[in-house]
Amino acid sequence: GRDAAVVRTGRPTGWLPGFLDAIEWAWLDDGGLD
């Protein structure tokens, strides 16, 4: 569940703005776009 996830609102260098900023990402397993 989301209680086990970590919300990350940043965007990695090289990933362009727009859609990525319009989405809330809650990652499991210490994941992330980078």
Full PDB file with SEQRES, HELIX, SHEET, SSBOND, CRYST1, ORIGX, SCALE, CONECT and MASTER records, all heavy atoms in Angstrom:
SEQRES   1 A   34  GLY ARG ASP ALA ALA VAL VAL ARG THR GLY ARG PRO THR          
SEQRES   2 A   34  GLY TRP LEU PRO GLY PHE LEU ASP ALA ILE GLU TRP ALA          
SEQRES   3 A   34  TRP LEU ASP ASP GLY GLY LEU ASP                              
HELIX    1 AA1 ARG A    2  ALA A    4  5                                   3    
HELIX    2 AA2 PHE A   19  ALA A   22  5                                   4    
CRYST1    1.000    1.000    1.000  90.00  90.00  90.00 P 1           1          
ORIGX1      1.000000  0.000000  0.000000        0.00000                         
ORIGX2      0.000000  1.000000  0.000000        0.00000                         
ORIGX3      0.000000  0.000000  1.000000        0.00000                         
SCALE1      1.000000  0.000000  0.000000        0.00000                         
SCALE2      0.000000  1.000000  0.000000        0.00000                         
SCALE3      0.000000  0.000000  1.000000        0.00000                         
ATOM      1  N   GLY A   1       0.794  -1.215   0.000  1.00  0.00           N  
ATOM      2  CA  GLY A   1       0.000   0.000   0.000  1.00  0.00           C  
ATOM      3  C   GLY A   1       0.828   1.267   0.000  1.00  0.00           C  
ATOM      4  O   GLY A   1       2.055   1.245   0.125  1.00  0.00           O  
ATOM      5  N   ARG A   2       0.134   2.391  -0.121  1.00  0.00           N  
ATOM      6  CA  ARG A   2       0.827   3.683  -0.201  1.00  0.00           C  
ATOM      7  C   ARG A   2       1.509   4.050   1.109  1.00  0.00           C  
ATOM      8  O   ARG A   2       2.416   4.903   1.113  1.00  0.00           O  
ATOM      9  CB  ARG A   2      -0.155   4.767  -0.627  1.00  0.00           C  
ATOM     10  CG  ARG A   2      -0.663   4.589  -2.043  1.00  0.00           C  
ATOM     11  CD  ARG A   2      -1.438   5.799  -2.511  1.00  0.00           C  
ATOM     12  NE  ARG A   2      -2.571   6.096  -1.661  1.00  0.00           N  
ATOM     13  CZ  ARG A   2      -3.740   5.475  -1.706  1.00  0.00           C  
ATOM     14  NH1 ARG A   2      -3.913   4.477  -2.558  1.00  0.00           N  
ATOM     15  NH2 ARG A   2      -4.729   5.820  -0.914  1.00  0.00           N  
ATOM     16  N   ASP A   3       1.117   3.427   2.225  1.00  0.00           N  
ATOM     17  CA  ASP A   3       1.801   3.698   3.487  1.00  0.00           C  
ATOM     18  C   ASP A   3       3.222   3.157   3.471  1.00  0.00           C  
ATOM     19  O   ASP A   3       4.063   3.565   4.282  1.00  0.00           O  
ATOM     20  CB  ASP A   3       1.017   3.123   4.670  1.00  0.00           C  
ATOM     21  CG  ASP A   3       0.753   1.625   4.537  1.00  0.00           C  
ATOM     22  OD1 ASP A   3       0.977   1.060   3.436  1.00  0.00           O  
ATOM     23  OD2 ASP A   3       0.325   1.012   5.527  1.00  0.00           O  
ATOM     24  N   ALA A   4       3.506   2.242   2.528  1.00  0.00           N  
ATOM     25  CA  ALA A   4       4.862   1.700   2.380  1.00  0.00           C  
ATOM     26  C   ALA A   4       5.646   2.416   1.288  1.00  0.00           C  
ATOM     27  O   ALA A   4       6.801   2.074   1.024  1.00  0.00           O  
ATOM     28  CB  ALA A   4       4.788   0.203   2.064  1.00  0.00           C  
ATOM     29  N   ALA A   5       5.040   3.411   0.652  1.00  0.00           N  
ATOM     30  CA  ALA A   5       5.663   4.105  -0.468  1.00  0.00           C  
ATOM     31  C   ALA A   5       6.192   5.471  -0.044  1.00  0.00           C  
ATOM     32  O   ALA A   5       5.764   6.036   0.959  1.00  0.00           O  
ATOM     33  CB  ALA A   5       4.659   4.275  -1.606  1.00  0.00           C  
ATOM     34  N   VAL A   6       7.129   5.977  -0.812  1.00  0.00           N  
ATOM     35  CA  VAL A   6       7.733   7.288  -0.561  1.00  0.00           C  
ATOM     36  C   VAL A   6       7.389   8.212  -1.725  1.00  0.00           C  
ATOM     37  O   VAL A   6       7.684   7.900  -2.885  1.00  0.00           O  
ATOM     38  CB  VAL A   6       9.263   7.179  -0.422  1.00  0.00           C  
ATOM     39  CG1 VAL A   6       9.886   8.566  -0.254  1.00  0.00           C  
ATOM     40  CG2 VAL A   6       9.629   6.283   0.749  1.00  0.00           C  
ATOM     41  N   VAL A   7       6.742   9.341  -1.430  1.00  0.00           N  
ATOM     42  CA  VAL A   7       6.395  10.319  -2.464  1.00  0.00           C  
ATOM     43  C   VAL A   7       7.649  11.103  -2.844  1.00  0.00           C  
ATOM     44  O   VAL A   7       8.330  11.658  -1.987  1.00  0.00           O  
ATOM     45  CB  VAL A   7       5.289  11.267  -1.974  1.00  0.00           C  
ATOM     46  CG1 VAL A   7       5.039  12.367  -3.008  1.00  0.00           C  
ATOM     47  CG2 VAL A   7       4.006  10.498  -1.697  1.00  0.00           C  
ATOM     48  N   ARG A   8       7.941  11.129  -4.135  1.00  0.00           N  
ATOM     49  CA  ARG A   8       9.075  11.899  -4.646  1.00  0.00           C  
ATOM     50  C   ARG A   8       8.537  12.857  -5.694  1.00  0.00           C  
ATOM     51  O   ARG A   8       7.967  12.445  -6.701  1.00  0.00           O  
ATOM     52  CB  ARG A   8      10.134  10.977  -5.262  1.00  0.00           C  
ATOM     53  CG  ARG A   8      10.664   9.920  -4.282  1.00  0.00           C  
ATOM     54  CD  ARG A   8      11.835   9.161  -4.892  1.00  0.00           C  
ATOM     55  NE  ARG A   8      12.195   7.996  -4.098  1.00  0.00           N  
ATOM     56  CZ  ARG A   8      12.901   8.007  -2.990  1.00  0.00           C  
ATOM     57  NH1 ARG A   8      13.352   9.168  -2.532  1.00  0.00           N  
ATOM     58  NH2 ARG A   8      13.176   6.898  -2.350  1.00  0.00           N  
ATOM     59  N   THR A   9       8.718  14.155  -5.467  1.00  0.00           N  
ATOM     60  CA  THR A   9       8.164  15.164  -6.360  1.00  0.00           C  
ATOM     61  C   THR A   9       9.200  15.762  -7.292  1.00  0.00           C  
ATOM     62  O   THR A   9       8.853  16.550  -8.168  1.00  0.00           O  
ATOM     63  CB  THR A   9       7.513  16.292  -5.546  1.00  0.00           C  
ATOM     64  OG1 THR A   9       8.485  16.857  -4.662  1.00  0.00           O  
ATOM     65  CG2 THR A   9       6.336  15.768  -4.740  1.00  0.00           C  
ATOM     66  N   GLY A  10      10.459  15.413  -7.112  1.00  0.00           N  
ATOM     67  CA  GLY A  10      11.500  15.974  -7.967  1.00  0.00           C  
ATOM     68  C   GLY A  10      11.539  15.309  -9.324  1.00  0.00           C  
ATOM     69  O   GLY A  10      10.890  14.298  -9.583  1.00  0.00           O  
ATOM     70  N   ARG A  11      12.325  15.896 -10.210  1.00  0.00           N  
ATOM     71  CA  ARG A  11      12.480  15.391 -11.561  1.00  0.00           C  
ATOM     72  C   ARG A  11      13.970  15.265 -11.862  1.00  0.00           C  
ATOM     73  O   ARG A  11      14.730  16.207 -11.686  1.00  0.00           O  
ATOM     74  CB  ARG A  11      11.820  16.379 -12.534  1.00  0.00           C  
ATOM     75  CG  ARG A  11      11.971  16.046 -13.983  1.00  0.00           C  
ATOM     76  CD  ARG A  11      11.091  16.927 -14.857  1.00  0.00           C  
ATOM     77  NE  ARG A  11      10.762  18.225 -14.290  1.00  0.00           N  
ATOM     78  CZ  ARG A  11      11.503  19.316 -14.440  1.00  0.00           C  
ATOM     79  NH1 ARG A  11      12.639  19.261 -15.112  1.00  0.00           N  
ATOM     80  NH2 ARG A  11      11.118  20.457 -13.915  1.00  0.00           N  
ATOM     81  N   PRO A  12      14.428  14.069 -12.304  1.00  0.00           N  
ATOM     82  CA  PRO A  12      15.861  13.903 -12.567  1.00  0.00           C  
ATOM     83  C   PRO A  12      16.344  14.830 -13.673  1.00  0.00           C  
ATOM     84  O   PRO A  12      15.590  15.191 -14.582  1.00  0.00           O  
ATOM     85  CB  PRO A  12      15.972  12.435 -13.000  1.00  0.00           C  
ATOM     86  CG  PRO A  12      14.725  11.781 -12.512  1.00  0.00           C  
ATOM     87  CD  PRO A  12      13.673  12.841 -12.544  1.00  0.00           C  
ATOM     88  N   THR A  13      17.607  15.193 -13.618  1.00  0.00           N  
ATOM     89  CA  THR A  13      18.223  15.967 -14.680  1.00  0.00           C  
ATOM     90  C   THR A  13      18.102  15.199 -15.994  1.00  0.00           C  
ATOM     91  O   THR A  13      18.379  14.003 -16.058  1.00  0.00           O  
ATOM     92  CB  THR A  13      19.703  16.229 -14.363  1.00  0.00           C  
ATOM     93  OG1 THR A  13      19.794  16.934 -13.126  1.00  0.00           O  
ATOM     94  CG2 THR A  13      20.366  17.047 -15.463  1.00  0.00           C  
ATOM     95  N   GLY A  14      17.684  15.891 -17.043  1.00  0.00           N  
ATOM     96  CA  GLY A  14      17.515  15.250 -18.339  1.00  0.00           C  
ATOM     97  C   GLY A  14      16.085  14.877 -18.659  1.00  0.00           C  
ATOM     98  O   GLY A  14      15.752  14.639 -19.819  1.00  0.00           O  
ATOM     99  N   TRP A  15      15.219  14.810 -17.620  1.00  0.00           N  
ATOM    100  CA  TRP A  15      13.804  14.534 -17.841  1.00  0.00           C  
ATOM    101  C   TRP A  15      13.082  15.881 -17.938  1.00  0.00           C  
ATOM    102  O   TRP A  15      13.170  16.709 -17.023  1.00  0.00           O  
ATOM    103  CB  TRP A  15      13.227  13.706 -16.698  1.00  0.00           C  
ATOM    104  CG  TRP A  15      13.787  12.318 -16.610  1.00  0.00           C  
ATOM    105  CD1 TRP A  15      15.055  11.960 -16.291  1.00  0.00           C  
ATOM    106  CD2 TRP A  15      13.076  11.094 -16.844  1.00  0.00           C  
ATOM    107  NE1 TRP A  15      15.191  10.598 -16.300  1.00  0.00           N  
ATOM    108  CE2 TRP A  15      13.987  10.031 -16.636  1.00  0.00           C  
ATOM    109  CE3 TRP A  15      11.759  10.786 -17.187  1.00  0.00           C  
ATOM    110  CZ2 TRP A  15      13.623   8.699 -16.766  1.00  0.00           C  
ATOM    111  CZ3 TRP A  15      11.394   9.457 -17.318  1.00  0.00           C  
ATOM    112  CH2 TRP A  15      12.331   8.430 -17.113  1.00  0.00           C  
ATOM    113  N   LEU A  16      12.354  16.117 -19.011  1.00  0.00           N  
ATOM    114  CA  LEU A  16      11.780  17.430 -19.278  1.00  0.00           C  
ATOM    115  C   LEU A  16      10.536  17.689 -18.436  1.00  0.00           C  
ATOM    116  O   LEU A  16       9.854  16.756 -18.022  1.00  0.00           O  
ATOM    117  CB  LEU A  16      11.440  17.546 -20.770  1.00  0.00           C  
ATOM    118  CG  LEU A  16      12.643  17.466 -21.721  1.00  0.00           C  
ATOM    119  CD1 LEU A  16      12.168  17.536 -23.161  1.00  0.00           C  
ATOM    120  CD2 LEU A  16      13.643  18.579 -21.435  1.00  0.00           C  
ATOM    121  N   PRO A  17      10.235  18.960 -18.166  1.00  0.00           N  
ATOM    122  CA  PRO A  17       9.069  19.312 -17.335  1.00  0.00           C  
ATOM    123  C   PRO A  17       7.769  19.141 -18.086  1.00  0.00           C  
ATOM    124  O   PRO A  17       7.736  18.909 -19.297  1.00  0.00           O  
ATOM    125  CB  PRO A  17       9.332  20.777 -16.999  1.00  0.00           C  
ATOM    126  CG  PRO A  17      10.117  21.284 -18.164  1.00  0.00           C  
ATOM    127  CD  PRO A  17      10.998  20.139 -18.590  1.00  0.00           C  
ATOM    128  N   GLY A  18       6.679  19.298 -17.350  1.00  0.00           N  
ATOM    129  CA  GLY A  18       5.346  19.180 -17.930  1.00  0.00           C  
ATOM    130  C   GLY A  18       4.610  18.035 -17.285  1.00  0.00           C  
ATOM    131  O   GLY A  18       4.189  18.132 -16.119  1.00  0.00           O  
ATOM    132  N   PHE A  19       4.475  16.936 -18.008  1.00  0.00           N  
ATOM    133  CA  PHE A  19       3.720  15.791 -17.515  1.00  0.00           C  
ATOM    134  C   PHE A  19       4.265  15.252 -16.197  1.00  0.00           C  
ATOM    135  O   PHE A  19       3.505  14.950 -15.273  1.00  0.00           O  
ATOM    136  CB  PHE A  19       3.712  14.675 -18.562  1.00  0.00           C  
ATOM    137  CG  PHE A  19       3.046  13.418 -18.089  1.00  0.00           C  
ATOM    138  CD1 PHE A  19       1.666  13.323 -18.051  1.00  0.00           C  
ATOM    139  CD2 PHE A  19       3.801  12.336 -17.654  1.00  0.00           C  
ATOM    140  CE1 PHE A  19       1.048  12.157 -17.598  1.00  0.00           C  
ATOM    141  CE2 PHE A  19       3.192  11.186 -17.202  1.00  0.00           C  
ATOM    142  CZ  PHE A  19       1.804  11.095 -17.169  1.00  0.00           C  
ATOM    143  N   LEU A  20       5.573  15.126 -16.097  1.00  0.00           N  
ATOM    144  CA  LEU A  20       6.169  14.552 -14.880  1.00  0.00           C  
ATOM    145  C   LEU A  20       5.807  15.361 -13.645  1.00  0.00           C  
ATOM    146  O   LEU A  20       5.678  14.813 -12.547  1.00  0.00           O  
ATOM    147  CB  LEU A  20       7.688  14.459 -15.016  1.00  0.00           C  
ATOM    148  CG  LEU A  20       8.225  13.528 -16.105  1.00  0.00           C  
ATOM    149  CD1 LEU A  20       9.748  13.519 -16.081  1.00  0.00           C  
ATOM    150  CD2 LEU A  20       7.681  12.116 -15.950  1.00  0.00           C  
ATOM    151  N   ASP A  21       5.629  16.661 -13.811  1.00  0.00           N  
ATOM    152  CA  ASP A  21       5.291  17.535 -12.694  1.00  0.00           C  
ATOM    153  C   ASP A  21       3.792  17.521 -12.387  1.00  0.00           C  
ATOM    154  O   ASP A  21       3.372  18.002 -11.335  1.00  0.00           O  
ATOM    155  CB  ASP A  21       5.733  18.966 -12.991  1.00  0.00           C  
ATOM    156  CG  ASP A  21       7.214  19.052 -13.322  1.00  0.00           C  
ATOM    157  OD1 ASP A  21       7.996  18.318 -12.690  1.00  0.00           O  
ATOM    158  OD2 ASP A  21       7.580  19.825 -14.224  1.00  0.00           O  
ATOM    159  N   ALA A  22       2.984  17.005 -13.313  1.00  0.00           N  
ATOM    160  CA  ALA A  22       1.537  16.950 -13.126  1.00  0.00           C  
ATOM    161  C   ALA A  22       1.089  15.629 -12.511  1.00  0.00           C  
ATOM    162  O   ALA A  22      -0.110  15.392 -12.380  1.00  0.00           O  
ATOM    163  CB  ALA A  22       0.832  17.165 -14.464  1.00  0.00           C  
ATOM    164  N   ILE A  23       2.054  14.783 -12.151  1.00  0.00           N  
ATOM    165  CA  ILE A  23       1.776  13.470 -11.584  1.00  0.00           C  
ATOM    166  C   ILE A  23       2.400  13.376 -10.195  1.00  0.00           C  
ATOM    167  O   ILE A  23       3.518  13.854  -9.968  1.00  0.00           O  
ATOM    168  CB  ILE A  23       2.361  12.347 -12.483  1.00  0.00           C  
ATOM    169  CG1 ILE A  23       1.689  12.359 -13.850  1.00  0.00           C  
ATOM    170  CG2 ILE A  23       2.220  10.975 -11.832  1.00  0.00           C  
ATOM    171  CD1 ILE A  23       0.210  12.032 -13.830  1.00  0.00           C  
ATOM    172  N   GLU A  24       1.680  12.763  -9.273  1.00  0.00           N  
ATOM    173  CA  GLU A  24       2.232  12.461  -7.956  1.00  0.00           C  
ATOM    174  C   GLU A  24       2.734  11.026  -7.973  1.00  0.00           C  
ATOM    175  O   GLU A  24       1.985  10.099  -8.292  1.00  0.00           O  
ATOM    176  CB  GLU A  24       1.170  12.645  -6.872  1.00  0.00           C  
ATOM    177  CG  GLU A  24       1.724  12.505  -5.460  1.00  0.00           C  
ATOM    178  CD  GLU A  24       0.731  12.905  -4.394  1.00  0.00           C  
ATOM    179  OE1 GLU A  24      -0.395  13.334  -4.745  1.00  0.00           O  
ATOM    180  OE2 GLU A  24       1.071  12.798  -3.205  1.00  0.00           O  
ATOM    181  N   TRP A  25       4.011  10.873  -7.645  1.00  0.00           N  
ATOM    182  CA  TRP A  25       4.680   9.569  -7.704  1.00  0.00           C  
ATOM    183  C   TRP A  25       4.991   9.100  -6.287  1.00  0.00           C  
ATOM    184  O   TRP A  25       5.707   9.774  -5.552  1.00  0.00           O  
ATOM    185  CB  TRP A  25       5.995   9.672  -8.487  1.00  0.00           C  
ATOM    186  CG  TRP A  25       5.887  10.303  -9.838  1.00  0.00           C  
ATOM    187  CD1 TRP A  25       5.839  11.637 -10.125  1.00  0.00           C  
ATOM    188  CD2 TRP A  25       5.815   9.626 -11.100  1.00  0.00           C  
ATOM    189  NE1 TRP A  25       5.749  11.833 -11.479  1.00  0.00           N  
ATOM    190  CE2 TRP A  25       5.733  10.621 -12.099  1.00  0.00           C  
ATOM    191  CE3 TRP A  25       5.836   8.275 -11.459  1.00  0.00           C  
ATOM    192  CZ2 TRP A  25       5.655  10.308 -13.462  1.00  0.00           C  
ATOM    193  CZ3 TRP A  25       5.760   7.962 -12.809  1.00  0.00           C  
ATOM    194  CH2 TRP A  25       5.668   8.962 -13.790  1.00  0.00           C  
ATOM    195  N   ALA A  26       4.459   7.954  -5.898  1.00  0.00           N  
ATOM    196  CA  ALA A  26       4.759   7.346  -4.597  1.00  0.00           C  
ATOM    197  C   ALA A  26       5.464   6.023  -4.871  1.00  0.00           C  
ATOM    198  O   ALA A  26       4.848   5.059  -5.338  1.00  0.00           O  
ATOM    199  CB  ALA A  26       3.485   7.130  -3.789  1.00  0.00           C  
ATOM    200  N   TRP A  27       6.765   5.978  -4.584  1.00  0.00           N  
ATOM    201  CA  TRP A  27       7.615   4.867  -5.006  1.00  0.00           C  
ATOM    202  C   TRP A  27       7.768   3.815  -3.914  1.00  0.00           C  
ATOM    203  O   TRP A  27       7.892   4.137  -2.725  1.00  0.00           O  
ATOM    204  CB  TRP A  27       9.003   5.391  -5.378  1.00  0.00           C  
ATOM    205  CG  TRP A  27       8.995   6.244  -6.604  1.00  0.00           C  
ATOM    206  CD1 TRP A  27       8.742   7.590  -6.675  1.00  0.00           C  
ATOM    207  CD2 TRP A  27       9.223   5.809  -7.938  1.00  0.00           C  
ATOM    208  NE1 TRP A  27       8.806   8.015  -7.976  1.00  0.00           N  
ATOM    209  CE2 TRP A  27       9.106   6.953  -8.779  1.00  0.00           C  
ATOM    210  CE3 TRP A  27       9.537   4.571  -8.510  1.00  0.00           C  
ATOM    211  CZ2 TRP A  27       9.285   6.876 -10.153  1.00  0.00           C  
ATOM    212  CZ3 TRP A  27       9.714   4.511  -9.887  1.00  0.00           C  
ATOM    213  CH2 TRP A  27       9.588   5.652 -10.693  1.00  0.00           C  
ATOM    214  N   LEU A  28       7.812   2.563  -4.333  1.00  0.00           N  
ATOM    215  CA  LEU A  28       8.138   1.437  -3.463  1.00  0.00           C  
ATOM    216  C   LEU A  28       9.576   1.008  -3.722  1.00  0.00           C  
ATOM    217  O   LEU A  28      10.160   1.313  -4.769  1.00  0.00           O  
ATOM    218  CB  LEU A  28       7.187   0.265  -3.729  1.00  0.00           C  
ATOM    219  CG  LEU A  28       5.699   0.543  -3.412  1.00  0.00           C  
ATOM    220  CD1 LEU A  28       4.816  -0.500  -4.065  1.00  0.00           C  
ATOM    221  CD2 LEU A  28       5.477   0.572  -1.902  1.00  0.00           C  
ATOM    222  N   ASP A  29      10.162   0.307  -2.775  1.00  0.00           N  
ATOM    223  CA  ASP A  29      11.502  -0.286  -2.936  1.00  0.00           C  
ATOM    224  C   ASP A  29      12.579   0.769  -3.170  1.00  0.00           C  
ATOM    225  O   ASP A  29      13.550   0.530  -3.894  1.00  0.00           O  
ATOM    226  CB  ASP A  29      11.526  -1.288  -4.101  1.00  0.00           C  
ATOM    227  CG  ASP A  29      10.392  -2.293  -4.023  1.00  0.00           C  
ATOM    228  OD1 ASP A  29      10.119  -2.790  -2.913  1.00  0.00           O  
ATOM    229  OD2 ASP A  29       9.766  -2.576  -5.058  1.00  0.00           O  
ATOM    230  N   ASP A  30      12.436   1.960  -2.574  1.00  0.00           N  
ATOM    231  CA  ASP A  30      13.418   3.029  -2.737  1.00  0.00           C  
ATOM    232  C   ASP A  30      13.623   3.408  -4.196  1.00  0.00           C  
ATOM    233  O   ASP A  30      14.719   3.817  -4.602  1.00  0.00           O  
ATOM    234  CB  ASP A  30      14.772   2.622  -2.119  1.00  0.00           C  
ATOM    235  CG  ASP A  30      14.690   2.431  -0.615  1.00  0.00           C  
ATOM    236  OD1 ASP A  30      13.968   3.218   0.031  1.00  0.00           O  
ATOM    237  OD2 ASP A  30      15.331   1.493  -0.097  1.00  0.00           O  
ATOM    238  N   GLY A  31      12.583   3.261  -5.005  1.00  0.00           N  
ATOM    239  CA  GLY A  31      12.700   3.562  -6.423  1.00  0.00           C  
ATOM    240  C   GLY A  31      12.578   5.044  -6.704  1.00  0.00           C  
ATOM    241  O   GLY A  31      12.394   5.874  -5.821  1.00  0.00           O  
ATOM    242  N   GLY A  32      12.679   5.381  -7.987  1.00  0.00           N  
ATOM    243  CA  GLY A  32      12.571   6.753  -8.449  1.00  0.00           C  
ATOM    244  C   GLY A  32      12.826   6.801  -9.937  1.00  0.00           C  
ATOM    245  O   GLY A  32      13.309   5.835 -10.536  1.00  0.00           O  
ATOM    246  N   LEU A  33      12.489   7.937 -10.560  1.00  0.00           N  
ATOM    247  CA  LEU A  33      12.699   8.057 -11.991  1.00  0.00           C  
ATOM    248  C   LEU A  33      14.180   7.972 -12.370  1.00  0.00           C  
ATOM    249  O   LEU A  33      14.513   7.685 -13.515  1.00  0.00           O  
ATOM    250  CB  LEU A  33      12.106   9.379 -12.495  1.00  0.00           C  
ATOM    251  CG  LEU A  33      10.577   9.452 -12.511  1.00  0.00           C  
ATOM    252  CD1 LEU A  33      10.135  10.878 -12.813  1.00  0.00           C  
ATOM    253  CD2 LEU A  33       9.990   8.479 -13.516  1.00  0.00           C  
ATOM    254  N   ASP A  34      15.054   8.262 -11.411  1.00  0.00           N  
ATOM    255  CA  ASP A  34      16.488   8.186 -11.680  1.00  0.00           C  
ATOM    256  C   ASP A  34      17.085   6.863 -11.225  1.00  0.00           C  
ATOM    257  O   ASP A  34      18.303   6.703 -11.205  1.00  0.00           O  
ATOM    258  CB  ASP A  34      17.223   9.345 -11.008  1.00  0.00           C  
ATOM    259  CG  ASP A  34      16.932   9.441  -9.521  1.00  0.00           C  
ATOM    260  OD1 ASP A  34      16.053   8.707  -9.028  1.00  0.00           O  
ATOM    261  OD2 ASP A  34      17.584  10.269  -8.852  1.00  0.00           O  
TER     262      ASP A  34                                                      
MASTER        0    0    0    2    0    0    0    6  261    1    0    3          
END                                                                             
